[in-house]
Amino acid sequence: MLTRAAITSLLLLCGTSPLLAQEPKSTSTGVFTEEQAKKGEAAYQRVCASCHGADLHSTEPEAPDLTEGAFKFGWQGKTIADRFEIIRNTMPPGRRASLDDQTYLDIVTYILRFNNIPAGKQALATNVDTLKQIVISVP
């Protein structure tokens, strides 16, 4: 009986320790693909550029720039989940959450790529728990 309890405890400990030990990834390791960022660019130009500018420099006083100092200040140290959820829950004005989640995430990857965050070999998926583990590191 004692042996069974010890084995069960060991299995539970081993099964949960990888979850506790997960360290955040950084965008500097390439967490999205070029193709994903290109899809995001097309969606951005179609939905976002009228306010945030084709070159990510705002054309509207209420819309923040999405590049240079404003990008560094607003995105550095945040997680991809933070940015994804804010954009999904607020954009476009008056039509929040009107795009599918993958399109919102693709737009986030385009903004990252535009700001010199390196692409990698695997596309990001819309798993918010995974996105919470990826910290934005601005070069």
Protein backbone atom coordinates (compact mmCIF):
# COMPACT_ATOMS: atom_id res chain seq x y z
CA MET A 1 0.00 0.00 0.00
CA LEU A 2 2.80 2.39 0.92
CA THR A 3 4.63 1.58 -2.31
CA ARG A 4 1.53 2.32 -4.41
CA ALA A 5 1.10 5.70 -2.69
CA ALA A 6 4.77 6.53 -3.21
CA ILE A 7 4.59 5.65 -6.93
CA THR A 8 1.37 7.63 -7.37
CA SER A 9 2.93 10.64 -5.65
CA LEU A 10 6.03 10.37 -7.81
CA LEU A 11 3.98 10.16 -11.00
CA LEU A 12 1.93 13.18 -10.00
CA LEU A 13 5.06 15.13 -9.16
CA CYS A 14 6.75 14.24 -12.45
CA GLY A 15 3.59 14.90 -14.41
CA THR A 16 3.16 18.44 -13.12
CA SER A 17 6.74 19.60 -12.75
CA PRO A 18 7.21 20.35 -16.47
CA LEU A 19 4.23 22.69 -16.28
CA LEU A 20 5.70 24.52 -13.33
CA ALA A 21 9.17 24.66 -14.87
CA GLN A 22 8.14 26.23 -18.19
CA GLU A 23 10.10 29.37 -18.76
CA PRO A 24 8.81 32.07 -21.07
CA LYS A 25 10.11 32.06 -24.62
CA SER A 26 11.26 35.22 -26.29
CA THR A 27 10.28 36.47 -29.73
CA SER A 28 14.01 36.77 -30.44
CA THR A 29 14.02 33.00 -31.07
CA GLY A 30 11.68 33.25 -34.10
CA VAL A 31 8.20 32.21 -32.99
CA PHE A 32 6.20 32.84 -36.20
CA THR A 33 6.80 32.36 -39.93
CA GLU A 34 7.37 34.82 -42.77
CA GLU A 35 4.27 33.39 -44.46
CA GLN A 36 2.20 34.12 -41.36
CA ALA A 37 3.50 37.69 -41.23
CA LYS A 38 2.67 38.13 -44.95
CA LYS A 39 -0.90 36.98 -44.30
CA GLY A 40 -0.99 39.42 -41.41
CA GLU A 41 0.25 42.23 -43.67
CA ALA A 42 -2.58 41.64 -46.15
CA ALA A 43 -5.16 41.69 -43.34
CA TYR A 44 -3.52 44.73 -41.72
CA GLN A 45 -3.58 46.71 -44.97
CA ARG A 46 -7.24 45.76 -45.50
CA VAL A 47 -8.50 46.41 -41.95
CA CYS A 48 -6.00 48.47 -39.94
CA ALA A 49 -4.06 50.78 -42.27
CA SER A 50 -6.81 53.37 -42.61
CA CYS A 51 -6.20 54.41 -38.98
CA HIS A 52 -2.76 53.03 -38.08
CA GLY A 53 -1.17 53.88 -41.45
CA ALA A 54 0.13 51.69 -44.25
CA ASP A 55 3.61 52.10 -42.75
CA LEU A 56 2.37 51.60 -39.16
CA HIS A 57 2.61 55.37 -38.52
CA SER A 58 -0.80 56.51 -37.36
CA THR A 59 -3.01 58.60 -39.62
CA GLU A 60 -5.53 59.27 -36.83
CA PRO A 61 -4.81 61.17 -33.60
CA GLU A 62 -6.53 58.48 -31.50
CA ALA A 63 -4.69 55.55 -33.11
CA PRO A 64 -1.20 54.78 -31.79
CA ASP A 65 1.79 54.27 -34.04
CA LEU A 66 2.79 50.62 -34.19
CA THR A 67 6.47 51.13 -34.89
CA GLU A 68 9.62 52.74 -33.47
CA GLY A 69 9.35 54.24 -29.96
CA ALA A 70 5.63 53.64 -29.58
CA PHE A 71 6.12 49.99 -30.47
CA LYS A 72 9.06 49.58 -28.10
CA PHE A 73 7.24 51.30 -25.24
CA GLY A 74 3.93 49.50 -25.75
CA TRP A 75 5.12 46.02 -26.70
CA GLN A 76 8.52 45.38 -25.05
CA GLY A 77 8.25 42.85 -22.22
CA LYS A 78 4.58 42.09 -22.87
CA THR A 79 3.48 38.66 -24.04
CA ILE A 80 2.07 37.91 -27.45
CA ALA A 81 -1.15 36.95 -25.65
CA ASP A 82 -1.36 40.47 -24.16
CA ARG A 83 -1.13 42.16 -27.54
CA PHE A 84 -3.34 39.58 -29.30
CA GLU A 85 -6.13 39.89 -26.73
CA ILE A 86 -6.05 43.69 -26.66
CA ILE A 87 -6.19 43.93 -30.45
CA ARG A 88 -8.90 41.26 -30.73
CA ASN A 89 -11.02 42.84 -27.99
CA THR A 90 -10.77 46.45 -29.22
CA MET A 91 -10.16 46.47 -32.98
CA PRO A 92 -11.40 47.61 -35.33
CA PRO A 93 -13.27 50.38 -33.53
CA GLY A 94 -16.98 49.64 -33.41
CA ARG A 95 -16.41 46.13 -34.80
CA ARG A 96 -14.24 44.51 -32.15
CA ALA A 97 -13.71 40.77 -32.45
CA SER A 98 -15.09 40.88 -36.00
CA LEU A 99 -12.14 38.92 -37.45
CA ASP A 100 -11.30 35.31 -36.72
CA ASP A 101 -8.64 34.69 -34.08
CA GLN A 102 -6.05 33.48 -36.59
CA THR A 103 -6.35 36.71 -38.58
CA TYR A 104 -5.81 38.77 -35.44
CA LEU A 105 -2.76 36.69 -34.58
CA ASP A 106 -1.42 37.03 -38.14
CA ILE A 107 -1.76 40.82 -37.82
CA VAL A 108 0.23 40.68 -34.58
CA THR A 109 2.98 38.72 -36.36
CA TYR A 110 3.06 41.31 -39.15
CA ILE A 111 3.49 44.12 -36.61
CA LEU A 112 6.28 42.15 -34.94
CA ARG A 113 8.02 41.42 -38.26
CA PHE A 114 7.69 45.04 -39.42
CA ASN A 115 9.53 45.99 -36.22
CA ASN A 116 12.45 43.64 -36.97
CA ILE A 117 11.37 40.73 -34.78
CA PRO A 118 12.83 37.69 -36.55
CA ALA A 119 10.62 35.05 -38.14
CA GLY A 120 11.15 31.38 -37.46
CA LYS A 121 10.09 28.05 -38.89
CA GLN A 122 6.79 27.40 -37.10
CA ALA A 123 3.59 29.43 -37.30
CA LEU A 124 1.92 30.61 -34.13
CA ALA A 125 -1.43 29.08 -33.25
CA THR A 126 -4.20 30.85 -31.38
CA ASN A 127 -3.65 28.93 -28.14
CA VAL A 128 -3.71 31.75 -25.58
CA ASP A 129 -1.95 29.64 -22.94
CA THR A 130 0.96 29.14 -25.33
CA LEU A 131 0.94 32.82 -26.37
CA LYS A 132 1.18 33.79 -22.68
CA GLN A 133 4.57 32.05 -22.57
CA ILE A 134 6.10 34.18 -25.37
CA VAL A 135 7.56 37.51 -24.25
CA ILE A 136 8.13 40.22 -26.82
CA SER A 137 11.79 41.23 -27.03
CA VAL A 138 12.38 44.32 -29.15
CA PRO A 139 15.79 44.41 -30.88
